[in-house]
């Protein structure tokens, strides 16, 4: 029963994260809210909601001064991920952008190999090749190349979010309660986007309409707070491996939203590319889990 709860939480987490285009694209194209303001309100409203959750759970929000800078560093990486992903929607299909972003576990593995001397594996090389082929198939359909700027922006999220995950695991600040840390990371992002909005879009502007407010609240609540909080519960009840594999719901939901709501172009070639990308990520996750089990077995044998 516990594992089943974890699976449900993992599906909710990745599925709601995949809803980002559903609320973001109408805000930009139909309601005239610029990206800087969307991102500020998303993070600001999310921080308020997450703070209420922490207080409801009686979690102490007290942190030390030395933790402020690392939290802002994490908030910066998280904010950059959101920024690049949202801007990529202006150039490529949102489903493709989200699918490219989903390659971040491969970046995490590469960073661990390059900077933390984790053992290289054939699985990582195979996964990297599969992912590149998958992206190529999704971005070049029927001989028509996709906007390279959009692909580049979406690809940057792989690096920023991958670095965020690695930093989260390596920094001491990562030992804070997960919901408290999430609150401060989101709050840091809100501060960053408040400053960013002063240079892009003429500062933070009032929400232009009731409909825009509903979209912004939905974006903050469903695609940020629920997604992040469900992720915490998923890891707790189902473990990181199952949670990571079920993260495949994210691009599947985003692609479905793109096709059904925004009539985005999607062919059988795109489907093959999507499958290859999902397979590459699952391969990396399972390979990492296998390495951890082998390392644990060696430790037990040496006792």
C-alpha atoms as a PDB file:
ATOM      1  CA  UNK A   1       0.000   0.000   0.000  1.00  0.00           C
ATOM      2  CA  UNK A   2       2.838   2.368   0.837  1.00  0.00           C
ATOM      3  CA  UNK A   3       4.490   1.784  -2.535  1.00  0.00           C
ATOM      4  CA  UNK A   4       1.172   2.338  -4.322  1.00  0.00           C
ATOM      5  CA  UNK A   5       0.778   5.709  -2.555  1.00  0.00           C
ATOM      6  CA  UNK A   6       4.274   6.638  -3.684  1.00  0.00           C
ATOM      7  CA  UNK A   7       3.449   5.743  -7.295  1.00  0.00           C
ATOM      8  CA  UNK A   8       0.331   7.916  -7.201  1.00  0.00           C
ATOM      9  CA  UNK A   9       2.297  10.842  -5.735  1.00  0.00           C
ATOM     10  CA  UNK A  10       5.022  10.408  -8.388  1.00  0.00           C
ATOM     11  CA  UNK A  11       2.450  10.455 -11.194  1.00  0.00           C
ATOM     12  CA  UNK A  12       0.770  13.537  -9.713  1.00  0.00           C
ATOM     13  CA  UNK A  13       4.131  15.300  -9.402  1.00  0.00           C
ATOM     14  CA  UNK A  14       5.347  14.682 -12.940  1.00  0.00           C
ATOM     15  CA  UNK A  15       1.882  15.046 -14.474  1.00  0.00           C
ATOM     16  CA  UNK A  16       1.215  18.452 -12.904  1.00  0.00           C
ATOM     17  CA  UNK A  17       4.679  19.710 -13.882  1.00  0.00           C
ATOM     18  CA  UNK A  18       3.786  18.804 -17.463  1.00  0.00           C
ATOM     19  CA  UNK A  19       0.857  21.263 -17.234  1.00  0.00           C
ATOM     20  CA  UNK A  20       3.139  24.335 -17.288  1.00  0.00           C
ATOM     21  CA  UNK A  21       2.455  25.050 -21.015  1.00  0.00           C
ATOM     22  CA  UNK A  22      -1.327  24.757 -20.461  1.00  0.00           C
ATOM     23  CA  UNK A  23      -1.308  27.895 -18.303  1.00  0.00           C
ATOM     24  CA  UNK A  24       1.774  29.734 -19.588  1.00  0.00           C
ATOM     25  CA  UNK A  25       1.049  29.867 -23.315  1.00  0.00           C
ATOM     26  CA  UNK A  26      -2.471  31.399 -22.970  1.00  0.00           C
ATOM     27  CA  UNK A  27      -1.096  33.978 -20.527  1.00  0.00           C
ATOM     28  CA  UNK A  28       1.442  35.129 -23.131  1.00  0.00           C
ATOM     29  CA  UNK A  29      -0.506  34.730 -26.378  1.00  0.00           C
ATOM     30  CA  UNK A  30      -4.098  35.502 -25.320  1.00  0.00           C
ATOM     31  CA  UNK A  31      -3.895  37.614 -22.169  1.00  0.00           C
ATOM     32  CA  UNK A  32      -0.796  39.704 -22.915  1.00  0.00           C
ATOM     33  CA  UNK A  33       1.206  38.904 -19.771  1.00  0.00           C
ATOM     34  CA  UNK A  34       4.948  38.924 -20.483  1.00  0.00           C
ATOM     35  CA  UNK A  35       7.227  36.089 -19.420  1.00  0.00           C
ATOM     36  CA  UNK A  36       9.002  38.047 -16.675  1.00  0.00           C
ATOM     37  CA  UNK A  37       5.706  38.806 -14.922  1.00  0.00           C
ATOM     38  CA  UNK A  38       4.433  35.251 -15.365  1.00  0.00           C
ATOM     39  CA  UNK A  39       7.559  33.868 -13.748  1.00  0.00           C
ATOM     40  CA  UNK A  40       7.478  36.376 -10.878  1.00  0.00           C
ATOM     41  CA  UNK A  41       3.846  35.674 -10.037  1.00  0.00           C
ATOM     42  CA  UNK A  42       4.342  31.936 -10.413  1.00  0.00           C
ATOM     43  CA  UNK A  43       7.193  31.916  -7.889  1.00  0.00           C
ATOM     44  CA  UNK A  44       5.706  34.583  -5.596  1.00  0.00           C
ATOM     45  CA  UNK A  45       2.328  32.866  -5.289  1.00  0.00           C
ATOM     46  CA  UNK A  46       4.031  29.470  -4.949  1.00  0.00           C
ATOM     47  CA  UNK A  47       6.215  30.779  -2.103  1.00  0.00           C
ATOM     48  CA  UNK A  48       3.116  32.001  -0.229  1.00  0.00           C
ATOM     49  CA  UNK A  49       1.377  28.655  -0.704  1.00  0.00           C
ATOM     50  CA  UNK A  50       4.451  26.648   0.259  1.00  0.00           C
ATOM     51  CA  UNK A  51       4.985  28.818   3.336  1.00  0.00           C
ATOM     52  CA  UNK A  52       1.409  28.124   4.452  1.00  0.00           C
ATOM     53  CA  UNK A  53       2.029  24.381   4.016  1.00  0.00           C
ATOM     54  CA  UNK A  54       5.208  24.578   6.135  1.00  0.00           C
ATOM     55  CA  UNK A  55       3.388  26.474   8.890  1.00  0.00           C
ATOM     56  CA  UNK A  56       0.463  24.032   8.757  1.00  0.00           C
ATOM     57  CA  UNK A  57       2.936  21.168   9.187  1.00  0.00           C
ATOM     58  CA  UNK A  58       4.552  23.069  12.101  1.00  0.00           C
ATOM     59  CA  UNK A  59       7.918  23.147  10.305  1.00  0.00           C
ATOM     60  CA  UNK A  60      10.377  25.738  11.567  1.00  0.00           C
ATOM     61  CA  UNK A  61      11.326  28.239   8.859  1.00  0.00           C
ATOM     62  CA  UNK A  62      14.410  29.378  10.766  1.00  0.00           C
ATOM     63  CA  UNK A  63      17.665  29.149   8.809  1.00  0.00           C
ATOM     64  CA  UNK A  64      21.251  30.211   9.489  1.00  0.00           C
ATOM     65  CA  UNK A  65      22.918  33.190   7.781  1.00  0.00           C
ATOM     66  CA  UNK A  66      25.472  30.918   6.109  1.00  0.00           C
ATOM     67  CA  UNK A  67      22.635  29.052   4.395  1.00  0.00           C
ATOM     68  CA  UNK A  68      21.267  32.124   2.599  1.00  0.00           C
ATOM     69  CA  UNK A  69      23.867  32.227  -0.198  1.00  0.00           C
ATOM     70  CA  UNK A  70      23.602  28.497  -1.074  1.00  0.00           C
ATOM     71  CA  UNK A  71      19.800  28.813  -1.101  1.00  0.00           C
ATOM     72  CA  UNK A  72      20.018  31.764  -3.508  1.00  0.00           C
ATOM     73  CA  UNK A  73      22.401  29.754  -5.697  1.00  0.00           C
ATOM     74  CA  UNK A  74      19.879  26.916  -5.825  1.00  0.00           C
ATOM     75  CA  UNK A  75      17.067  29.409  -6.418  1.00  0.00           C
ATOM     76  CA  UNK A  76      19.054  30.910  -9.284  1.00  0.00           C
ATOM     77  CA  UNK A  77      19.479  27.529 -10.998  1.00  0.00           C
ATOM     78  CA  UNK A  78      15.796  26.695 -10.500  1.00  0.00           C
ATOM     79  CA  UNK A  79      14.794  30.143 -11.798  1.00  0.00           C
ATOM     80  CA  UNK A  80      17.019  29.822 -14.872  1.00  0.00           C
ATOM     81  CA  UNK A  81      15.404  26.472 -15.654  1.00  0.00           C
ATOM     82  CA  UNK A  82      11.943  28.048 -15.535  1.00  0.00           C
ATOM     83  CA  UNK A  83      13.133  31.047 -17.574  1.00  0.00           C
ATOM     84  CA  UNK A  84      14.726  29.050 -20.400  1.00  0.00           C
ATOM     85  CA  UNK A  85      11.789  26.625 -20.584  1.00  0.00           C
ATOM     86  CA  UNK A  86       9.163  29.371 -20.829  1.00  0.00           C
ATOM     87  CA  UNK A  87      11.096  31.334 -23.459  1.00  0.00           C
ATOM     88  CA  UNK A  88      11.639  28.163 -25.503  1.00  0.00           C
ATOM     89  CA  UNK A  89       7.845  27.975 -26.014  1.00  0.00           C
ATOM     90  CA  UNK A  90       8.154  31.043 -28.257  1.00  0.00           C
ATOM     91  CA  UNK A  91      10.218  29.085 -30.767  1.00  0.00           C
ATOM     92  CA  UNK A  92       9.365  25.378 -30.553  1.00  0.00           C
ATOM     93  CA  UNK A  93       6.389  23.232 -29.577  1.00  0.00           C
ATOM     94  CA  UNK A  94       5.898  23.119 -25.809  1.00  0.00           C
ATOM     95  CA  UNK A  95       5.734  19.313 -25.858  1.00  0.00           C
ATOM     96  CA  UNK A  96       9.114  19.116 -27.595  1.00  0.00           C
ATOM     97  CA  UNK A  97      10.628  21.651 -25.178  1.00  0.00           C
ATOM     98  CA  UNK A  98       9.417  19.713 -22.136  1.00  0.00           C
ATOM     99  CA  UNK A  99      10.631  16.428 -23.596  1.00  0.00           C
ATOM    100  CA  UNK A 100      14.110  17.886 -24.160  1.00  0.00           C
ATOM    101  CA  UNK A 101      14.089  19.212 -20.570  1.00  0.00           C
ATOM    102  CA  UNK A 102      13.324  15.676 -19.353  1.00  0.00           C
ATOM    103  CA  UNK A 103      16.870  14.659 -20.326  1.00  0.00           C
ATOM    104  CA  UNK A 104      18.249  16.266 -17.135  1.00  0.00           C
ATOM    105  CA  UNK A 105      18.927  12.867 -15.394  1.00  0.00           C
ATOM    106  CA  UNK A 106      21.549  12.178 -18.083  1.00  0.00           C
ATOM    107  CA  UNK A 107      23.177  15.535 -17.285  1.00  0.00           C
ATOM    108  CA  UNK A 108      23.159  14.627 -13.577  1.00  0.00           C
ATOM    109  CA  UNK A 109      24.982  11.359 -14.302  1.00  0.00           C
ATOM    110  CA  UNK A 110      27.516  13.094 -16.556  1.00  0.00           C
ATOM    111  CA  UNK A 111      28.231  15.754 -13.923  1.00  0.00           C
ATOM    112  CA  UNK A 112      28.744  13.095 -11.260  1.00  0.00           C
ATOM    113  CA  UNK A 113      31.211  11.277 -13.537  1.00  0.00           C
ATOM    114  CA  UNK A 114      33.107  14.437 -14.519  1.00  0.00           C
ATOM    115  CA  UNK A 115      33.321  16.219 -11.159  1.00  0.00           C
ATOM    116  CA  UNK A 116      32.687  13.645  -8.438  1.00  0.00           C
ATOM    117  CA  UNK A 117      34.609  10.669  -9.890  1.00  0.00           C
ATOM    118  CA  UNK A 118      31.652   8.344 -10.225  1.00  0.00           C
ATOM    119  CA  UNK A 119      32.399   5.287 -12.330  1.00  0.00           C
ATOM    120  CA  UNK A 120      31.676   5.583 -16.037  1.00  0.00           C
ATOM    121  CA  UNK A 121      29.250   3.105 -17.537  1.00  0.00           C
ATOM    122  CA  UNK A 122      28.321   1.858 -21.001  1.00  0.00           C
ATOM    123  CA  UNK A 123      24.699   2.550 -20.133  1.00  0.00           C
ATOM    124  CA  UNK A 124      25.413   6.279 -19.864  1.00  0.00           C
ATOM    125  CA  UNK A 125      27.055   6.371 -23.303  1.00  0.00           C
ATOM    126  CA  UNK A 126      24.219   4.391 -24.878  1.00  0.00           C
ATOM    127  CA  UNK A 127      21.640   6.628 -23.169  1.00  0.00           C
ATOM    128  CA  UNK A 128      23.386   9.780 -24.401  1.00  0.00           C
ATOM    129  CA  UNK A 129      23.360   8.489 -27.988  1.00  0.00           C
ATOM    130  CA  UNK A 130      19.719   7.408 -27.757  1.00  0.00           C
ATOM    131  CA  UNK A 131      18.730  10.799 -26.365  1.00  0.00           C
ATOM    132  CA  UNK A 132      20.540  12.685 -29.131  1.00  0.00           C
ATOM    133  CA  UNK A 133      18.830  10.533 -31.761  1.00  0.00           C
ATOM    134  CA  UNK A 134      15.486  11.046 -30.024  1.00  0.00           C
ATOM    135  CA  UNK A 135      15.879  14.825 -29.958  1.00  0.00           C
ATOM    136  CA  UNK A 136      16.919  14.825 -33.622  1.00  0.00           C
ATOM    137  CA  UNK A 137      13.804  12.852 -34.599  1.00  0.00           C
ATOM    138  CA  UNK A 138      11.533  15.182 -32.629  1.00  0.00           C
ATOM    139  CA  UNK A 139      13.166  18.359 -33.941  1.00  0.00           C
ATOM    140  CA  UNK A 140      13.624  17.421 -37.587  1.00  0.00           C
ATOM    141  CA  UNK A 141      10.358  16.074 -38.915  1.00  0.00           C
ATOM    142  CA  UNK A 142       9.800  15.384 -42.610  1.00  0.00           C
ATOM    143  CA  UNK A 143      13.006  17.208 -43.494  1.00  0.00           C
ATOM    144  CA  UNK A 144      11.900  20.481 -41.860  1.00  0.00           C
ATOM    145  CA  UNK A 145      14.328  21.687 -39.200  1.00  0.00           C
ATOM    146  CA  UNK A 146      12.976  23.241 -36.019  1.00  0.00           C
ATOM    147  CA  UNK A 147      14.019  26.641 -34.695  1.00  0.00           C
ATOM    148  CA  UNK A 148      17.505  26.100 -33.299  1.00  0.00           C
ATOM    149  CA  UNK A 149      17.189  28.913 -30.748  1.00  0.00           C
ATOM    150  CA  UNK A 150      14.214  27.152 -29.181  1.00  0.00           C
ATOM    151  CA  UNK A 151      16.083  23.847 -29.094  1.00  0.00           C
ATOM    152  CA  UNK A 152      19.080  25.619 -27.541  1.00  0.00           C
ATOM    153  CA  UNK A 153      16.965  27.271 -24.822  1.00  0.00           C
ATOM    154  CA  UNK A 154      15.242  23.991 -23.966  1.00  0.00           C
ATOM    155  CA  UNK A 155      18.634  22.249 -23.906  1.00  0.00           C
ATOM    156  CA  UNK A 156      19.962  24.830 -21.433  1.00  0.00           C
ATOM    157  CA  UNK A 157      17.327  23.622 -18.941  1.00  0.00           C
ATOM    158  CA  UNK A 158      19.011  20.203 -18.992  1.00  0.00           C
ATOM    159  CA  UNK A 159      22.210  21.822 -17.709  1.00  0.00           C
ATOM    160  CA  UNK A 160      20.619  24.227 -15.218  1.00  0.00           C
ATOM    161  CA  UNK A 161      18.257  21.666 -13.677  1.00  0.00           C
ATOM    162  CA  UNK A 162      20.872  18.911 -13.747  1.00  0.00           C
ATOM    163  CA  UNK A 163      23.287  21.223 -11.917  1.00  0.00           C
ATOM    164  CA  UNK A 164      20.482  22.117  -9.481  1.00  0.00           C
ATOM    165  CA  UNK A 165      19.919  18.436  -8.624  1.00  0.00           C
ATOM    166  CA  UNK A 166      23.646  17.771  -8.143  1.00  0.00           C
ATOM    167  CA  UNK A 167      24.098  20.910  -6.017  1.00  0.00           C
ATOM    168  CA  UNK A 168      21.071  19.953  -3.952  1.00  0.00           C
ATOM    169  CA  UNK A 169      22.678  16.611  -3.128  1.00  0.00           C
ATOM    170  CA  UNK A 170      26.167  17.988  -2.498  1.00  0.00           C
ATOM    171  CA  UNK A 171      25.430  21.135  -0.479  1.00  0.00           C
ATOM    172  CA  UNK A 172      24.887  20.954   3.281  1.00  0.00           C
ATOM    173  CA  UNK A 173      21.785  23.093   2.855  1.00  0.00           C
ATOM    174  CA  UNK A 174      20.215  20.054   1.228  1.00  0.00           C
ATOM    175  CA  UNK A 175      19.869  18.597   4.742  1.00  0.00           C
ATOM    176  CA  UNK A 176      17.078  21.053   5.540  1.00  0.00           C
ATOM    177  CA  UNK A 177      13.552  19.552   5.605  1.00  0.00           C
ATOM    178  CA  UNK A 178      12.522  19.145   1.962  1.00  0.00           C
ATOM    179  CA  UNK A 179       9.407  21.320   2.168  1.00  0.00           C
ATOM    180  CA  UNK A 180      11.271  24.101   4.022  1.00  0.00           C
ATOM    181  CA  UNK A 181      14.096  24.061   1.480  1.00  0.00           C
ATOM    182  CA  UNK A 182      11.568  24.090  -1.364  1.00  0.00           C
ATOM    183  CA  UNK A 183       9.899  27.161   0.190  1.00  0.00           C
ATOM    184  CA  UNK A 184      13.174  29.076   0.370  1.00  0.00           C
ATOM    185  CA  UNK A 185      14.305  28.038  -3.127  1.00  0.00           C
ATOM    186  CA  UNK A 186      10.978  29.216  -4.572  1.00  0.00           C
ATOM    187  CA  UNK A 187      11.145  32.430  -2.510  1.00  0.00           C
ATOM    188  CA  UNK A 188      14.666  33.080  -3.825  1.00  0.00           C
ATOM    189  CA  UNK A 189      13.314  32.553  -7.338  1.00  0.00           C
ATOM    190  CA  UNK A 190      10.541  35.093  -6.701  1.00  0.00           C
ATOM    191  CA  UNK A 191      13.106  37.682  -5.565  1.00  0.00           C
ATOM    192  CA  UNK A 192      15.276  36.968  -8.604  1.00  0.00           C
ATOM    193  CA  UNK A 193      12.333  37.383 -10.994  1.00  0.00           C
ATOM    194  CA  UNK A 194      11.217  40.579  -9.229  1.00  0.00           C
ATOM    195  CA  UNK A 195      14.630  42.057 -10.049  1.00  0.00           C
ATOM    196  CA  UNK A 196      14.603  40.524 -13.547  1.00  0.00           C
ATOM    197  CA  UNK A 197      11.206  42.083 -14.271  1.00  0.00           C
ATOM    198  CA  UNK A 198      12.679  45.557 -13.688  1.00  0.00           C
ATOM    199  CA  UNK A 199      14.895  45.044 -16.742  1.00  0.00           C
ATOM    200  CA  UNK A 200      12.525  43.011 -18.918  1.00  0.00           C
ATOM    201  CA  UNK A 201       8.953  44.213 -19.222  1.00  0.00           C
ATOM    202  CA  UNK A 202       9.122  47.450 -17.266  1.00  0.00           C
ATOM    203  CA  UNK A 203       8.833  46.015 -13.785  1.00  0.00           C
ATOM    204  CA  UNK A 204       6.178  43.912 -12.086  1.00  0.00           C
ATOM    205  CA  UNK A 205       2.768  44.874 -13.420  1.00  0.00           C
ATOM    206  CA  UNK A 206      -0.686  44.329 -11.955  1.00  0.00           C
ATOM    207  CA  UNK A 207      -2.470  41.150 -13.013  1.00  0.00           C
ATOM    208  CA  UNK A 208      -4.524  42.411 -15.996  1.00  0.00           C
ATOM    209  CA  UNK A 209      -7.717  40.402 -15.531  1.00  0.00           C
ATOM    210  CA  UNK A 210      -9.555  37.873 -13.406  1.00  0.00           C
ATOM    211  CA  UNK A 211      -8.893  35.188 -16.024  1.00  0.00           C
ATOM    212  CA  UNK A 212      -5.150  35.912 -15.954  1.00  0.00           C
ATOM    213  CA  UNK A 213      -5.244  35.659 -12.161  1.00  0.00           C
ATOM    214  CA  UNK A 214      -6.904  32.237 -12.365  1.00  0.00           C
ATOM    215  CA  UNK A 215      -4.236  31.015 -14.797  1.00  0.00           C
ATOM    216  CA  UNK A 216      -1.415  32.345 -12.582  1.00  0.00           C
ATOM    217  CA  UNK A 217      -2.868  30.739  -9.444  1.00  0.00           C
ATOM    218  CA  UNK A 218      -3.320  27.437 -11.298  1.00  0.00           C
ATOM    219  CA  UNK A 219       0.266  27.654 -12.587  1.00  0.00           C
ATOM    220  CA  UNK A 220       1.602  28.337  -9.087  1.00  0.00           C
ATOM    221  CA  UNK A 221      -0.569  25.781  -7.303  1.00  0.00           C
ATOM    222  CA  UNK A 222      -0.717  22.838  -9.712  1.00  0.00           C
ATOM    223  CA  UNK A 223       2.525  23.112 -11.692  1.00  0.00           C
ATOM    224  CA  UNK A 224       4.745  24.260  -8.818  1.00  0.00           C
ATOM    225  CA  UNK A 225       3.443  23.651  -5.275  1.00  0.00           C
ATOM    226  CA  UNK A 226       1.549  20.405  -5.919  1.00  0.00           C
ATOM    227  CA  UNK A 227       4.306  19.159  -8.224  1.00  0.00           C
ATOM    228  CA  UNK A 228       7.121  19.879  -5.748  1.00  0.00           C
ATOM    229  CA  UNK A 229       5.221  18.706  -2.657  1.00  0.00           C
ATOM    230  CA  UNK A 230       4.020  15.494  -4.342  1.00  0.00           C
ATOM    231  CA  UNK A 231       7.631  14.857  -5.370  1.00  0.00           C
ATOM    232  CA  UNK A 232       8.694  14.956  -1.704  1.00  0.00           C
ATOM    233  CA  UNK A 233       5.969  12.456  -0.779  1.00  0.00           C
ATOM    234  CA  UNK A 234       6.750  10.235  -3.780  1.00  0.00           C
ATOM    235  CA  UNK A 235      10.405   9.900  -2.793  1.00  0.00           C
ATOM    236  CA  UNK A 236       9.337   9.180   0.798  1.00  0.00           C
ATOM    237  CA  UNK A 237       6.871   6.410  -0.066  1.00  0.00           C
ATOM    238  CA  UNK A 238       8.180   4.935  -3.340  1.00  0.00           C
ATOM    239  CA  UNK A 239      11.884   5.818  -3.418  1.00  0.00           C
ATOM    240  CA  UNK A 240      13.903   7.974  -5.776  1.00  0.00           C
ATOM    241  CA  UNK A 241      14.210   5.383  -8.583  1.00  0.00           C
ATOM    242  CA  UNK A 242      10.484   4.764  -9.015  1.00  0.00           C
ATOM    243  CA  UNK A 243       9.826   8.498  -8.697  1.00  0.00           C
ATOM    244  CA  UNK A 244      12.426   9.319 -11.350  1.00  0.00           C
ATOM    245  CA  UNK A 245      11.108   6.705 -13.796  1.00  0.00           C
ATOM    246  CA  UNK A 246       7.522   7.895 -13.360  1.00  0.00           C
ATOM    247  CA  UNK A 247       8.802  11.375 -14.145  1.00  0.00           C
ATOM    248  CA  UNK A 248       8.163  10.293 -17.739  1.00  0.00           C
ATOM    249  CA  UNK A 249       4.591  11.465 -17.163  1.00  0.00           C
ATOM    250  CA  UNK A 250       5.930  15.024 -17.469  1.00  0.00           C
ATOM    251  CA  UNK A 251       6.769  15.003 -21.206  1.00  0.00           C
ATOM    252  CA  UNK A 252       3.813  12.722 -21.982  1.00  0.00           C
ATOM    253  CA  UNK A 253       1.374  15.178 -20.397  1.00  0.00           C
ATOM    254  CA  UNK A 254       3.101  18.175 -22.024  1.00  0.00           C
ATOM    255  CA  UNK A 255       3.010  16.520 -25.455  1.00  0.00           C
ATOM    256  CA  UNK A 256      -0.674  15.603 -24.980  1.00  0.00           C
ATOM    257  CA  UNK A 257      -1.514  19.186 -23.956  1.00  0.00           C
ATOM    258  CA  UNK A 258       0.396  20.502 -26.957  1.00  0.00           C
ATOM    259  CA  UNK A 259      -1.475  18.258 -29.396  1.00  0.00           C
ATOM    260  CA  UNK A 260      -4.984  18.472 -27.894  1.00  0.00           C
ATOM    261  CA  UNK A 261      -5.053  22.113 -26.745  1.00  0.00           C
ATOM    262  CA  UNK A 262      -2.570  23.955 -28.957  1.00  0.00           C
ATOM    263  CA  UNK A 263      -2.726  21.731 -32.087  1.00  0.00           C
ATOM    264  CA  UNK A 264       1.047  21.263 -32.095  1.00  0.00           C
ATOM    265  CA  UNK A 265       2.567  19.190 -34.895  1.00  0.00           C
ATOM    266  CA  UNK A 266       3.301  15.594 -33.908  1.00  0.00           C
ATOM    267  CA  UNK A 267       4.076  12.683 -36.252  1.00  0.00           C
ATOM    268  CA  UNK A 268       5.034   9.025 -35.985  1.00  0.00           C
ATOM    269  CA  UNK A 269       8.656  10.171 -36.281  1.00  0.00           C
ATOM    270  CA  UNK A 270       8.111  12.467 -33.297  1.00  0.00           C
ATOM    271  CA  UNK A 271       6.649   9.530 -31.368  1.00  0.00           C
ATOM    272  CA  UNK A 272       9.744   7.412 -32.055  1.00  0.00           C
ATOM    273  CA  UNK A 273      11.920  10.291 -30.847  1.00  0.00           C
ATOM    274  CA  UNK A 274       9.846  10.623 -27.663  1.00  0.00           C
ATOM    275  CA  UNK A 275      10.132   6.885 -26.964  1.00  0.00           C
ATOM    276  CA  UNK A 276      13.919   6.968 -27.461  1.00  0.00           C
ATOM    277  CA  UNK A 277      14.262   9.895 -25.045  1.00  0.00           C
ATOM    278  CA  UNK A 278      12.116   8.190 -22.405  1.00  0.00           C
ATOM    279  CA  UNK A 279      14.108   4.965 -22.858  1.00  0.00           C
ATOM    280  CA  UNK A 280      17.445   6.790 -22.493  1.00  0.00           C
ATOM    281  CA  UNK A 281      16.379   8.404 -19.216  1.00  0.00           C
ATOM    282  CA  UNK A 282      14.996   5.169 -17.769  1.00  0.00           C
ATOM    283  CA  UNK A 283      18.237   3.417 -18.762  1.00  0.00           C
ATOM    284  CA  UNK A 284      20.325   5.982 -16.861  1.00  0.00           C
ATOM    285  CA  UNK A 285      18.107   5.778 -13.775  1.00  0.00           C
ATOM    286  CA  UNK A 286      18.209   1.978 -13.660  1.00  0.00           C
ATOM    287  CA  UNK A 287      21.959   1.971 -14.250  1.00  0.00           C
ATOM    288  CA  UNK A 288      22.503   4.418 -11.372  1.00  0.00           C
ATOM    289  CA  UNK A 289      20.343   2.285  -9.101  1.00  0.00           C
ATOM    290  CA  UNK A 290      22.334  -0.828 -10.036  1.00  0.00           C
ATOM    291  CA  UNK A 291      25.633   0.960  -9.224  1.00  0.00           C
ATOM    292  CA  UNK A 292      24.291   1.988  -5.820  1.00  0.00           C
ATOM    293  CA  UNK A 293      23.254  -1.594  -5.039  1.00  0.00           C
ATOM    294  CA  UNK A 294      26.667  -2.952  -6.050  1.00  0.00           C
ATOM    295  CA  UNK A 295      28.429  -0.319  -3.919  1.00  0.00           C
ATOM    296  CA  UNK A 296      26.234  -1.223  -0.966  1.00  0.00           C
ATOM    297  CA  UNK A 297      26.967  -4.921  -1.423  1.00  0.00           C
ATOM    298  CA  UNK A 298      30.726  -4.216  -1.429  1.00  0.00           C
ATOM    299  CA  UNK A 299      30.425  -2.255   1.793  1.00  0.00           C
ATOM    300  CA  UNK A 300      28.509  -5.108   3.452  1.00  0.00           C
ATOM    301  CA  UNK A 301      31.056  -7.665   2.225  1.00  0.00           C
ATOM    302  CA  UNK A 302      33.933  -5.659   3.708  1.00  0.00           C
ATOM    303  CA  UNK A 303      32.345  -5.546   7.164  1.00  0.00           C
END
